[in-house]
Amino acid sequence: MYVKLWMVDDPVTIGPKATLAEARELFRRHRIRRLPVVADNTLVGILGRRDLEGALPSSLDAREEGEEVFVAEHTEVRAVMVSPVISIGPDETLVDAVKKMRKNTIDGLPVVADGSLVGLVSITDILDAFLEIMETRGGGTRLDLRLGNQPEALYAMIEIMSDHDREIVAIFQHHGYSRDHQLVTVQVRGLDQEELIDGLWSGGIQVERVTKVL
């Protein structure tokens, strides 16, 4: 699944010479968590809500009334933004995005093509993609199947599905299940799967769990 299919197009941005007060207003108005910083159509940094909050004195720390407002109105974004930016390309996969997020302990990535910002992808977008895969419109059934570790075991399972004229919506392999077996989760369209389940057992495939997806 490509990043470009799930990213937010045309994200809200800010310039490096804008003030933190302007950034705070954009965060409030658009209810967003991060602002790409763009200069001359080039991504030069990123400002997170936490970066903003960390740069401003809290009401408890402020030594006099109005200090927070003064700092916000007189501090430029470029003084606080994170740079260089960890980004991802639109033709990379969501798996690539997750790996970058985990490695760098972040929950969002600017999407850059030819040096220009083209979108934003967040952990929320990735969860939306996961739900799209796991949910079956019109109802479906999720089968947790225990197969042998041989490559032909997976082919045999798919052949049984085909013999019963079942539409496979998604397949997930759980690596490291055991030395002799693999656990595979298959989602098929439709709720009535008794004949298929009997066929799987007859084919030597153990059905560990059956979950109806409404």
N, C-alpha and C. Protein backbone atom coordinates (compact mmCIF):
# COMPACT_ATOMS: atom_id res chain seq x y z
N MET A 1 0.85 -1.18 0.00
CA MET A 1 0.00 0.00 0.00
C MET A 1 0.89 1.24 0.00
N TYR A 2 0.70 2.08 -0.99
CA TYR A 2 1.59 3.22 -1.16
C TYR A 2 1.17 4.41 -0.30
N VAL A 3 2.17 5.15 0.15
CA VAL A 3 1.92 6.32 0.98
C VAL A 3 0.99 7.31 0.28
N LYS A 4 1.17 7.49 -1.03
CA LYS A 4 0.39 8.49 -1.76
C LYS A 4 -1.11 8.21 -1.76
N LEU A 5 -1.49 6.96 -1.50
CA LEU A 5 -2.90 6.61 -1.48
C LEU A 5 -3.56 6.95 -0.14
N TRP A 6 -2.76 7.20 0.90
CA TRP A 6 -3.30 7.42 2.24
C TRP A 6 -2.86 8.73 2.87
N MET A 7 -1.95 9.43 2.25
CA MET A 7 -1.46 10.68 2.83
C MET A 7 -2.52 11.78 2.73
N VAL A 8 -2.34 12.82 3.54
CA VAL A 8 -3.17 14.02 3.46
C VAL A 8 -2.56 14.93 2.41
N ASP A 9 -3.32 15.20 1.35
CA ASP A 9 -2.84 16.08 0.29
C ASP A 9 -2.92 17.55 0.74
N ASP A 10 -2.05 18.37 0.20
CA ASP A 10 -2.10 19.81 0.40
C ASP A 10 -2.20 20.18 1.89
N PRO A 11 -1.25 19.74 2.70
CA PRO A 11 -1.32 20.03 4.14
C PRO A 11 -1.11 21.51 4.45
N VAL A 12 -1.57 21.91 5.61
CA VAL A 12 -1.35 23.27 6.09
C VAL A 12 0.14 23.45 6.38
N THR A 13 0.72 24.55 5.91
CA THR A 13 2.15 24.79 6.11
C THR A 13 2.36 26.18 6.72
N ILE A 14 3.60 26.45 7.06
CA ILE A 14 3.97 27.75 7.61
C ILE A 14 5.38 28.09 7.12
N GLY A 15 5.71 29.37 7.06
CA GLY A 15 7.03 29.81 6.65
C GLY A 15 7.99 29.89 7.82
N PRO A 16 9.28 29.79 7.57
CA PRO A 16 10.27 29.81 8.67
C PRO A 16 10.34 31.14 9.41
N LYS A 17 9.92 32.24 8.76
CA LYS A 17 9.98 33.55 9.40
C LYS A 17 8.67 33.93 10.08
N ALA A 18 7.68 33.06 10.02
CA ALA A 18 6.43 33.31 10.74
C ALA A 18 6.70 33.21 12.24
N THR A 19 5.83 33.80 13.04
CA THR A 19 6.03 33.78 14.48
C THR A 19 5.36 32.56 15.11
N LEU A 20 5.76 32.27 16.33
CA LEU A 20 5.13 31.17 17.06
C LEU A 20 3.67 31.49 17.35
N ALA A 21 3.33 32.75 17.46
CA ALA A 21 1.93 33.13 17.65
C ALA A 21 1.10 32.73 16.43
N GLU A 22 1.66 32.94 15.23
CA GLU A 22 0.96 32.54 14.01
C GLU A 22 0.84 31.01 13.94
N ALA A 23 1.90 30.33 14.33
CA ALA A 23 1.87 28.86 14.33
C ALA A 23 0.82 28.35 15.30
N ARG A 24 0.75 28.95 16.48
CA ARG A 24 -0.22 28.53 17.48
C ARG A 24 -1.64 28.70 16.96
N GLU A 25 -1.88 29.77 16.25
CA GLU A 25 -3.21 30.00 15.68
C GLU A 25 -3.56 28.95 14.63
N LEU A 26 -2.58 28.55 13.81
CA LEU A 26 -2.82 27.51 12.81
C LEU A 26 -3.12 26.17 13.48
N PHE A 27 -2.38 25.84 14.52
CA PHE A 27 -2.65 24.61 15.27
C PHE A 27 -4.07 24.63 15.82
N ARG A 28 -4.47 25.76 16.37
CA ARG A 28 -5.80 25.86 16.97
C ARG A 28 -6.89 25.80 15.91
N ARG A 29 -6.72 26.55 14.83
CA ARG A 29 -7.77 26.66 13.82
C ARG A 29 -7.98 25.35 13.06
N HIS A 30 -6.89 24.66 12.74
CA HIS A 30 -7.01 23.46 11.90
C HIS A 30 -6.97 22.17 12.72
N ARG A 31 -6.74 22.28 14.02
CA ARG A 31 -6.72 21.10 14.90
C ARG A 31 -5.72 20.05 14.39
N ILE A 32 -4.51 20.48 14.16
CA ILE A 32 -3.46 19.61 13.64
C ILE A 32 -2.36 19.48 14.68
N ARG A 33 -1.46 18.53 14.47
CA ARG A 33 -0.41 18.23 15.44
C ARG A 33 0.97 18.63 14.94
N ARG A 34 1.11 18.89 13.65
CA ARG A 34 2.42 19.25 13.11
C ARG A 34 2.24 20.19 11.93
N LEU A 35 3.22 21.06 11.76
CA LEU A 35 3.22 22.04 10.67
C LEU A 35 4.52 21.91 9.87
N PRO A 36 4.45 21.49 8.61
CA PRO A 36 5.64 21.53 7.77
C PRO A 36 6.04 23.00 7.55
N VAL A 37 7.34 23.24 7.59
CA VAL A 37 7.86 24.59 7.38
C VAL A 37 8.43 24.63 5.96
N VAL A 38 7.88 25.52 5.14
CA VAL A 38 8.22 25.55 3.71
C VAL A 38 8.73 26.92 3.32
N ALA A 39 9.82 26.94 2.56
CA ALA A 39 10.38 28.18 2.01
C ALA A 39 10.69 27.95 0.54
N ASP A 40 10.15 28.79 -0.33
CA ASP A 40 10.37 28.67 -1.77
C ASP A 40 10.03 27.27 -2.28
N ASN A 41 8.88 26.75 -1.82
CA ASN A 41 8.36 25.43 -2.22
C ASN A 41 9.24 24.28 -1.77
N THR A 42 10.16 24.53 -0.86
CA THR A 42 11.05 23.48 -0.36
C THR A 42 10.80 23.27 1.13
N LEU A 43 10.72 22.01 1.53
CA LEU A 43 10.54 21.69 2.95
C LEU A 43 11.85 21.93 3.68
N VAL A 44 11.82 22.83 4.67
CA VAL A 44 13.05 23.17 5.39
C VAL A 44 13.00 22.77 6.86
N GLY A 45 11.84 22.36 7.34
CA GLY A 45 11.73 21.97 8.74
C GLY A 45 10.32 21.52 9.06
N ILE A 46 10.11 21.13 10.30
CA ILE A 46 8.77 20.77 10.75
C ILE A 46 8.62 21.23 12.20
N LEU A 47 7.44 21.72 12.51
CA LEU A 47 7.14 22.21 13.85
C LEU A 47 5.99 21.41 14.41
N GLY A 48 6.26 20.71 15.51
CA GLY A 48 5.22 19.96 16.18
C GLY A 48 4.58 20.78 17.28
N ARG A 49 3.38 20.39 17.67
CA ARG A 49 2.70 21.10 18.75
C ARG A 49 3.56 21.09 20.03
N ARG A 50 4.22 19.97 20.29
CA ARG A 50 5.07 19.89 21.48
C ARG A 50 6.27 20.81 21.38
N ASP A 51 6.82 20.96 20.16
CA ASP A 51 7.94 21.89 19.98
C ASP A 51 7.51 23.31 20.34
N LEU A 52 6.29 23.66 19.90
CA LEU A 52 5.76 24.99 20.19
C LEU A 52 5.56 25.18 21.69
N GLU A 53 4.92 24.21 22.31
CA GLU A 53 4.65 24.32 23.74
C GLU A 53 5.94 24.38 24.55
N GLY A 54 6.95 23.62 24.12
CA GLY A 54 8.22 23.63 24.84
C GLY A 54 8.98 24.93 24.72
N ALA A 55 8.71 25.70 23.65
CA ALA A 55 9.42 26.96 23.44
C ALA A 55 8.79 28.12 24.18
N LEU A 56 7.54 27.96 24.59
CA LEU A 56 6.83 29.05 25.26
C LEU A 56 6.85 28.86 26.77
N PRO A 57 7.05 29.92 27.53
CA PRO A 57 6.99 29.80 28.99
C PRO A 57 5.57 29.49 29.44
N SER A 58 5.43 28.61 30.39
CA SER A 58 4.11 28.29 30.91
C SER A 58 3.64 29.41 31.83
N SER A 59 2.36 29.39 32.14
CA SER A 59 1.82 30.42 33.03
C SER A 59 2.45 30.34 34.42
N LEU A 60 2.95 29.16 34.80
CA LEU A 60 3.59 29.00 36.10
C LEU A 60 5.01 29.54 36.09
N ASP A 61 5.68 29.42 34.91
CA ASP A 61 7.06 29.86 34.82
C ASP A 61 7.20 31.34 34.48
N ALA A 62 6.17 31.89 33.84
CA ALA A 62 6.25 33.29 33.40
C ALA A 62 6.43 34.22 34.60
N ARG A 63 7.43 35.11 34.53
CA ARG A 63 7.72 35.97 35.66
C ARG A 63 6.80 37.19 35.72
N GLU A 64 6.19 37.50 34.63
CA GLU A 64 5.26 38.61 34.64
C GLU A 64 4.19 38.35 33.58
N GLU A 65 3.04 38.97 33.80
CA GLU A 65 1.92 38.74 32.89
C GLU A 65 2.28 39.22 31.49
N GLY A 66 1.95 38.41 30.51
CA GLY A 66 2.20 38.78 29.12
C GLY A 66 3.51 38.26 28.57
N GLU A 67 4.31 37.58 29.40
CA GLU A 67 5.60 37.08 28.90
C GLU A 67 5.41 36.05 27.80
N GLU A 68 4.44 35.14 27.99
CA GLU A 68 4.20 34.11 26.98
C GLU A 68 3.79 34.75 25.65
N VAL A 69 2.92 35.75 25.71
CA VAL A 69 2.47 36.44 24.49
C VAL A 69 3.66 37.12 23.81
N PHE A 70 4.52 37.75 24.61
CA PHE A 70 5.69 38.43 24.05
C PHE A 70 6.60 37.45 23.32
N VAL A 71 6.90 36.33 23.97
CA VAL A 71 7.77 35.32 23.35
C VAL A 71 7.15 34.79 22.07
N ALA A 72 5.85 34.50 22.11
CA ALA A 72 5.16 33.95 20.93
C ALA A 72 5.19 34.92 19.76
N GLU A 73 5.06 36.21 20.06
CA GLU A 73 4.98 37.21 18.99
C GLU A 73 6.35 37.65 18.48
N HIS A 74 7.41 37.30 19.21
CA HIS A 74 8.74 37.77 18.82
C HIS A 74 9.73 36.63 18.53
N THR A 75 9.23 35.41 18.51
CA THR A 75 10.10 34.27 18.18
C THR A 75 9.66 33.68 16.85
N GLU A 76 10.61 33.50 15.95
CA GLU A 76 10.29 32.95 14.63
C GLU A 76 10.30 31.42 14.66
N VAL A 77 9.52 30.86 13.77
CA VAL A 77 9.40 29.40 13.69
C VAL A 77 10.74 28.74 13.45
N ARG A 78 11.60 29.35 12.65
CA ARG A 78 12.88 28.72 12.31
C ARG A 78 13.78 28.52 13.53
N ALA A 79 13.50 29.26 14.61
CA ALA A 79 14.30 29.11 15.82
C ALA A 79 13.91 27.88 16.63
N VAL A 80 12.76 27.33 16.32
CA VAL A 80 12.22 26.22 17.12
C VAL A 80 12.03 24.95 16.31
N MET A 81 11.84 25.10 15.01
CA MET A 81 11.51 23.94 14.15
C MET A 81 12.60 22.88 14.19
N VAL A 82 12.21 21.67 13.85
CA VAL A 82 13.15 20.55 13.73
C VAL A 82 13.68 20.51 12.30
N SER A 83 14.99 20.49 12.16
CA SER A 83 15.62 20.44 10.85
C SER A 83 17.01 19.80 11.00
N PRO A 84 17.42 18.94 10.08
CA PRO A 84 16.71 18.47 8.89
C PRO A 84 15.53 17.57 9.23
N VAL A 85 14.67 17.38 8.24
CA VAL A 85 13.41 16.68 8.46
C VAL A 85 13.50 15.24 7.98
N ILE A 86 12.96 14.33 8.78
CA ILE A 86 12.81 12.93 8.34
C ILE A 86 11.55 12.87 7.50
N SER A 87 11.67 12.45 6.25
CA SER A 87 10.54 12.45 5.33
C SER A 87 10.43 11.11 4.62
N ILE A 88 9.43 11.01 3.78
CA ILE A 88 9.20 9.78 3.01
C ILE A 88 8.67 10.16 1.64
N GLY A 89 8.86 9.29 0.67
CA GLY A 89 8.39 9.56 -0.69
C GLY A 89 6.99 9.01 -0.91
N PRO A 90 6.26 9.57 -1.84
CA PRO A 90 4.87 9.12 -2.09
C PRO A 90 4.78 7.71 -2.63
N ASP A 91 5.83 7.21 -3.27
CA ASP A 91 5.79 5.86 -3.83
C ASP A 91 6.37 4.82 -2.89
N GLU A 92 6.77 5.22 -1.69
CA GLU A 92 7.16 4.25 -0.68
C GLU A 92 5.90 3.67 -0.04
N THR A 93 6.07 2.59 0.69
CA THR A 93 4.92 1.89 1.26
C THR A 93 4.62 2.35 2.69
N LEU A 94 3.42 1.99 3.16
CA LEU A 94 3.07 2.28 4.54
C LEU A 94 3.97 1.53 5.51
N VAL A 95 4.45 0.36 5.09
CA VAL A 95 5.40 -0.39 5.92
C VAL A 95 6.68 0.42 6.09
N ASP A 96 7.15 1.03 5.00
CA ASP A 96 8.33 1.89 5.09
C ASP A 96 8.08 3.05 6.06
N ALA A 97 6.87 3.61 6.00
CA ALA A 97 6.53 4.73 6.87
C ALA A 97 6.54 4.31 8.34
N VAL A 98 5.96 3.14 8.62
CA VAL A 98 5.93 2.66 10.00
C VAL A 98 7.33 2.43 10.53
N LYS A 99 8.20 1.84 9.70
CA LYS A 99 9.58 1.58 10.12
C LYS A 99 10.30 2.88 10.46
N LYS A 100 10.10 3.92 9.65
CA LYS A 100 10.74 5.20 9.92
C LYS A 100 10.20 5.82 11.19
N MET A 101 8.88 5.71 11.39
CA MET A 101 8.28 6.28 12.59
C MET A 101 8.79 5.58 13.85
N ARG A 102 8.86 4.26 13.80
CA ARG A 102 9.34 3.51 14.97
C ARG A 102 10.80 3.79 15.25
N LYS A 103 11.61 3.83 14.20
CA LYS A 103 13.05 4.05 14.37
C LYS A 103 13.34 5.41 14.97
N ASN A 104 12.53 6.42 14.60
CA ASN A 104 12.79 7.79 15.02
C ASN A 104 11.84 8.29 16.10
N THR A 105 10.96 7.39 16.59
CA THR A 105 10.01 7.72 17.66
C THR A 105 9.19 8.96 17.31
N ILE A 106 8.57 8.92 16.14
CA ILE A 106 7.70 10.00 15.70
C ILE A 106 6.39 9.39 15.21
N ASP A 107 5.36 10.23 15.08
CA ASP A 107 4.06 9.70 14.67
C ASP A 107 3.53 10.31 13.39
N GLY A 108 4.42 10.95 12.63
CA GLY A 108 4.01 11.52 11.35
C GLY A 108 5.22 11.83 10.49
N LEU A 109 5.00 11.84 9.17
CA LEU A 109 6.10 12.10 8.23
C LEU A 109 5.62 13.02 7.11
N PRO A 110 6.39 14.05 6.77
CA PRO A 110 6.11 14.81 5.56
C PRO A 110 6.41 13.92 4.34
N VAL A 111 5.62 14.08 3.31
CA VAL A 111 5.81 13.32 2.08
C VAL A 111 6.41 14.27 1.04
N VAL A 112 7.58 13.91 0.53
CA VAL A 112 8.34 14.80 -0.34
C VAL A 112 8.63 14.12 -1.67
N ALA A 113 8.41 14.86 -2.75
CA ALA A 113 8.73 14.38 -4.10
C ALA A 113 9.51 15.48 -4.83
N ASP A 114 10.68 15.14 -5.32
CA ASP A 114 11.53 16.10 -6.04
C ASP A 114 11.79 17.35 -5.21
N GLY A 115 11.96 17.16 -3.90
CA GLY A 115 12.28 18.27 -3.02
C GLY A 115 11.10 19.10 -2.55
N SER A 116 9.92 18.83 -3.09
CA SER A 116 8.73 19.61 -2.72
C SER A 116 7.80 18.80 -1.85
N LEU A 117 7.15 19.47 -0.92
CA LEU A 117 6.18 18.83 -0.04
C LEU A 117 4.91 18.53 -0.82
N VAL A 118 4.47 17.28 -0.78
CA VAL A 118 3.25 16.89 -1.49
C VAL A 118 2.17 16.34 -0.55
N GLY A 119 2.53 16.11 0.72
CA GLY A 119 1.53 15.57 1.63
C GLY A 119 2.10 15.31 3.01
N LEU A 120 1.25 14.76 3.86
CA LEU A 120 1.64 14.34 5.21
C LEU A 120 1.00 12.99 5.46
N VAL A 121 1.73 12.08 6.09
CA VAL A 121 1.15 10.81 6.49
C VAL A 121 1.42 10.62 7.98
N SER A 122 0.37 10.26 8.71
CA SER A 122 0.48 10.09 10.16
C SER A 122 0.12 8.68 10.55
N ILE A 123 0.35 8.36 11.81
CA ILE A 123 -0.01 7.04 12.31
C ILE A 123 -1.51 6.83 12.22
N THR A 124 -2.28 7.91 12.30
CA THR A 124 -3.74 7.80 12.15
C THR A 124 -4.11 7.37 10.74
N ASP A 125 -3.42 7.90 9.74
CA ASP A 125 -3.67 7.49 8.36
C ASP A 125 -3.36 6.01 8.16
N ILE A 126 -2.30 5.55 8.80
CA ILE A 126 -1.91 4.14 8.68
C ILE A 126 -2.94 3.24 9.36
N LEU A 127 -3.46 3.68 10.50
CA LEU A 127 -4.53 2.92 11.16
C LEU A 127 -5.79 2.88 10.31
N ASP A 128 -6.08 3.98 9.62
CA ASP A 128 -7.23 4.00 8.71
C ASP A 128 -7.04 2.97 7.59
N ALA A 129 -5.82 2.86 7.09
CA ALA A 129 -5.54 1.88 6.04
C ALA A 129 -5.71 0.46 6.58
N PHE A 130 -5.25 0.24 7.81
CA PHE A 130 -5.40 -1.07 8.43
C PHE A 130 -6.87 -1.44 8.58
N LEU A 131 -7.69 -0.48 9.03
CA LEU A 131 -9.12 -0.74 9.17
C LEU A 131 -9.78 -1.03 7.83
N GLU A 132 -9.33 -0.32 6.80
CA GLU A 132 -9.88 -0.55 5.46
C GLU A 132 -9.63 -1.98 5.01
N ILE A 133 -8.45 -2.50 5.36
CA ILE A 133 -8.12 -3.87 5.00
C ILE A 133 -8.94 -4.87 5.82
N MET A 134 -9.02 -4.61 7.12
CA MET A 134 -9.62 -5.59 8.03
C MET A 134 -11.14 -5.59 8.00
N GLU A 135 -11.75 -4.48 7.62
CA GLU A 135 -13.20 -4.43 7.56
C GLU A 135 -13.66 -4.88 6.18
N THR A 136 -14.73 -5.66 6.16
CA THR A 136 -15.26 -6.18 4.91
C THR A 136 -16.67 -5.66 4.73
N ARG A 137 -16.86 -4.81 3.72
CA ARG A 137 -18.20 -4.29 3.48
C ARG A 137 -19.13 -5.43 3.07
N GLY A 138 -20.33 -5.44 3.65
CA GLY A 138 -21.28 -6.49 3.34
C GLY A 138 -21.09 -7.73 4.18
N GLY A 139 -20.13 -7.68 5.11
CA GLY A 139 -19.92 -8.82 6.00
C GLY A 139 -18.84 -9.75 5.49
N GLY A 140 -18.09 -10.31 6.42
CA GLY A 140 -17.04 -11.24 6.04
C GLY A 140 -16.65 -12.10 7.22
N THR A 141 -15.67 -12.97 6.99
CA THR A 141 -15.22 -13.90 8.02
C THR A 141 -13.71 -13.90 8.07
N ARG A 142 -13.17 -13.83 9.28
CA ARG A 142 -11.73 -13.88 9.47
C ARG A 142 -11.38 -15.24 10.04
N LEU A 143 -10.46 -15.93 9.37
CA LEU A 143 -10.05 -17.28 9.76
C LEU A 143 -8.59 -17.28 10.16
N ASP A 144 -8.31 -17.73 11.37
CA ASP A 144 -6.93 -17.94 11.80
C ASP A 144 -6.58 -19.40 11.55
N LEU A 145 -5.64 -19.63 10.65
CA LEU A 145 -5.33 -20.98 10.18
C LEU A 145 -3.91 -21.38 10.54
N ARG A 146 -3.77 -22.62 11.00
CA ARG A 146 -2.45 -23.16 11.33
C ARG A 146 -2.02 -24.07 10.19
N LEU A 147 -0.93 -23.66 9.52
CA LEU A 147 -0.42 -24.41 8.37
C LEU A 147 0.97 -24.93 8.66
N GLY A 148 1.39 -25.87 7.84
CA GLY A 148 2.78 -26.29 7.89
C GLY A 148 3.68 -25.16 7.40
N ASN A 149 4.95 -25.23 7.73
CA ASN A 149 5.89 -24.17 7.35
C ASN A 149 6.37 -24.28 5.90
N GLN A 150 5.99 -25.35 5.21
CA GLN A 150 6.41 -25.50 3.83
C GLN A 150 5.68 -24.50 2.93
N PRO A 151 6.36 -23.94 1.92
CA PRO A 151 5.72 -22.98 1.02
C PRO A 151 4.46 -23.52 0.35
N GLU A 152 4.47 -24.82 0.05
CA GLU A 152 3.31 -25.41 -0.64
C GLU A 152 2.06 -25.43 0.24
N ALA A 153 2.23 -25.30 1.57
CA ALA A 153 1.07 -25.31 2.46
C ALA A 153 0.19 -24.09 2.20
N LEU A 154 0.82 -22.94 1.94
CA LEU A 154 0.05 -21.73 1.64
C LEU A 154 -0.67 -21.86 0.31
N TYR A 155 0.00 -22.44 -0.67
CA TYR A 155 -0.64 -22.65 -1.97
C TYR A 155 -1.83 -23.59 -1.85
N ALA A 156 -1.70 -24.62 -1.03
CA ALA A 156 -2.78 -25.57 -0.83
C ALA A 156 -3.99 -24.88 -0.20
N MET A 157 -3.73 -23.99 0.75
CA MET A 157 -4.82 -23.25 1.39
C MET A 157 -5.55 -22.38 0.37
N ILE A 158 -4.80 -21.67 -0.47
CA ILE A 158 -5.41 -20.81 -1.48
C ILE A 158 -6.22 -21.64 -2.47
N GLU A 159 -5.72 -22.83 -2.80
CA GLU A 159 -6.44 -23.71 -3.73
C GLU A 159 -7.77 -24.15 -3.14
N ILE A 160 -7.79 -24.44 -1.84
CA ILE A 160 -9.05 -24.83 -1.19
C ILE A 160 -10.03 -23.66 -1.24
N MET A 161 -9.55 -22.45 -1.00
CA MET A 161 -10.40 -21.26 -1.10
C MET A 161 -10.99 -21.14 -2.50
N SER A 162 -10.15 -21.35 -3.50
CA SER A 162 -10.60 -21.26 -4.89
C SER A 162 -11.62 -22.34 -5.21
N ASP A 163 -11.40 -23.58 -4.72
CA ASP A 163 -12.34 -24.68 -4.97
C ASP A 163 -13.72 -24.38 -4.40
N HIS A 164 -13.76 -23.60 -3.30
CA HIS A 164 -15.03 -23.24 -2.67
C HIS A 164 -15.53 -21.87 -3.14
N ASP A 165 -14.88 -21.35 -4.18
CA ASP A 165 -15.30 -20.09 -4.81
C ASP A 165 -15.40 -18.96 -3.79
N ARG A 166 -14.36 -18.83 -2.96
CA ARG A 166 -14.34 -17.78 -1.95
C ARG A 166 -13.45 -16.64 -2.40
N GLU A 167 -13.91 -15.41 -2.13
CA GLU A 167 -13.13 -14.22 -2.45
C GLU A 167 -12.27 -13.84 -1.24
N ILE A 168 -10.97 -13.89 -1.42
CA ILE A 168 -10.04 -13.52 -0.35
C ILE A 168 -9.86 -12.01 -0.36
N VAL A 169 -10.14 -11.39 0.79
CA VAL A 169 -10.00 -9.94 0.91
C VAL A 169 -8.60 -9.57 1.37
N ALA A 170 -8.04 -10.35 2.31
CA ALA A 170 -6.72 -10.04 2.84
C ALA A 170 -6.10 -11.30 3.44
N ILE A 171 -4.76 -11.38 3.39
CA ILE A 171 -4.00 -12.47 3.99
C ILE A 171 -2.87 -11.87 4.82
N PHE A 172 -2.73 -12.34 6.06
CA PHE A 172 -1.64 -11.91 6.93
C PHE A 172 -0.90 -13.14 7.43
N GLN A 173 0.42 -13.10 7.33
CA GLN A 173 1.25 -14.18 7.87
C GLN A 173 1.90 -13.71 9.17
N HIS A 174 1.75 -14.48 10.23
CA HIS A 174 2.32 -14.16 11.52
C HIS A 174 3.65 -14.90 11.65
N HIS A 175 4.73 -14.19 11.49
CA HIS A 175 6.05 -14.82 11.50
C HIS A 175 6.47 -15.19 12.92
N GLY A 176 7.22 -16.28 13.02
CA GLY A 176 7.73 -16.71 14.31
C GLY A 176 6.70 -17.40 15.18
N TYR A 177 5.63 -17.92 14.57
CA TYR A 177 4.58 -18.59 15.35
C TYR A 177 5.14 -19.84 16.03
N SER A 178 5.78 -20.71 15.27
CA SER A 178 6.45 -21.87 15.83
C SER A 178 7.45 -22.40 14.81
N ARG A 179 8.27 -23.35 15.23
CA ARG A 179 9.29 -23.88 14.32
C ARG A 179 8.69 -24.71 13.21
N ASP A 180 7.59 -25.41 13.51
CA ASP A 180 7.01 -26.36 12.55
C ASP A 180 5.77 -25.84 11.83
N HIS A 181 5.19 -24.76 12.34
CA HIS A 181 3.94 -24.28 11.76
C HIS A 181 3.97 -22.75 11.57
N GLN A 182 3.11 -22.30 10.70
CA GLN A 182 2.89 -20.87 10.52
C GLN A 182 1.42 -20.56 10.77
N LEU A 183 1.17 -19.39 11.33
CA LEU A 183 -0.20 -18.96 11.56
C LEU A 183 -0.54 -17.92 10.50
N VAL A 184 -1.62 -18.17 9.78
CA VAL A 184 -2.05 -17.28 8.70
C VAL A 184 -3.48 -16.83 8.99
N THR A 185 -3.70 -15.53 8.93
CA THR A 185 -5.05 -15.00 9.07
C THR A 185 -5.56 -14.62 7.68
N VAL A 186 -6.71 -15.19 7.33
CA VAL A 186 -7.31 -14.96 6.01
C VAL A 186 -8.69 -14.34 6.22
N GLN A 187 -8.95 -13.28 5.51
CA GLN A 187 -10.28 -12.67 5.55
C GLN A 187 -10.96 -12.92 4.22
N VAL A 188 -12.14 -13.51 4.29
CA VAL A 188 -12.90 -13.83 3.08
C VAL A 188 -14.24 -13.11 3.14
N ARG A 189 -14.80 -12.85 1.98
CA ARG A 189 -16.09 -12.18 1.92
C ARG A 189 -17.21 -13.18 2.19
N GLY A 190 -18.21 -12.74 2.94
CA GLY A 190 -19.35 -13.60 3.26
C GLY A 190 -19.27 -14.16 4.67
N LEU A 191 -20.45 -14.45 5.24
CA LEU A 191 -20.53 -14.91 6.63
C LEU A 191 -20.70 -16.42 6.76
N ASP A 192 -21.30 -17.06 5.77
CA ASP A 192 -21.55 -18.50 5.85
C ASP A 192 -20.36 -19.26 5.28
N GLN A 193 -19.51 -19.77 6.16
CA GLN A 193 -18.26 -20.41 5.73
C GLN A 193 -18.14 -21.84 6.24
N GLU A 194 -19.25 -22.48 6.58
CA GLU A 194 -19.18 -23.83 7.16
C GLU A 194 -18.56 -24.82 6.17
N GLU A 195 -18.96 -24.76 4.91
CA GLU A 195 -18.41 -25.70 3.92
C GLU A 195 -16.92 -25.46 3.72
N LEU A 196 -16.54 -24.20 3.70
CA LEU A 196 -15.11 -23.87 3.54
C LEU A 196 -14.31 -24.40 4.73
N ILE A 197 -14.83 -24.20 5.93
CA ILE A 197 -14.13 -24.66 7.13
C ILE A 197 -13.96 -26.18 7.11
N ASP A 198 -15.01 -26.88 6.71
CA ASP A 198 -14.91 -28.34 6.58
C ASP A 198 -13.85 -28.71 5.55
N GLY A 199 -13.80 -27.96 4.45
CA GLY A 199 -12.81 -28.23 3.40
C GLY A 199 -11.39 -27.99 3.87
N LEU A 200 -11.20 -26.97 4.70
CA LEU A 200 -9.87 -26.69 5.23
C LEU A 200 -9.41 -27.80 6.17
N TRP A 201 -10.31 -28.23 7.06
CA TRP A 201 -9.95 -29.34 7.96
C TRP A 201 -9.63 -30.60 7.15
N SER A 202 -10.44 -30.87 6.12
CA SER A 202 -10.21 -32.07 5.29
C SER A 202 -8.88 -31.98 4.56
N GLY A 203 -8.45 -30.75 4.28
CA GLY A 203 -7.17 -30.55 3.59
C GLY A 203 -5.98 -30.51 4.53
N GLY A 204 -6.22 -30.82 5.81
CA GLY A 204 -5.12 -30.86 6.77
C GLY A 204 -4.75 -29.50 7.35
N ILE A 205 -5.64 -28.54 7.20
CA ILE A 205 -5.38 -27.20 7.73
C ILE A 205 -6.21 -27.00 8.99
N GLN A 206 -5.55 -26.68 10.08
CA GLN A 206 -6.24 -26.52 11.35
C GLN A 206 -6.81 -25.11 11.47
N VAL A 207 -8.11 -25.03 11.73
CA VAL A 207 -8.78 -23.74 11.88
C VAL A 207 -8.73 -23.36 13.37
N GLU A 208 -7.90 -22.40 13.71
CA GLU A 208 -7.71 -22.02 15.10
C GLU A 208 -8.85 -21.15 15.63
N ARG A 209 -9.32 -20.25 14.78
CA ARG A 209 -10.36 -19.32 15.24
C ARG A 209 -11.15 -18.82 14.04
N VAL A 210 -12.46 -18.61 14.26
CA VAL A 210 -13.35 -18.05 13.25
C VAL A 210 -14.01 -16.81 13.84
N THR A 211 -13.86 -15.68 13.15
CA THR A 211 -14.43 -14.41 13.64
C THR A 211 -15.30 -13.82 12.54
N LYS A 212 -16.56 -13.53 12.88
CA LYS A 212 -17.45 -12.87 11.94
C LYS A 212 -17.18 -11.36 11.95
N VAL A 213 -17.07 -10.77 10.77
CA VAL A 213 -16.83 -9.34 10.63
C VAL A 213 -18.08 -8.73 10.01
N LEU A 214 -18.83 -8.00 10.80
CA LEU A 214 -20.11 -7.44 10.34
C LEU A 214 -19.95 -6.03 9.83
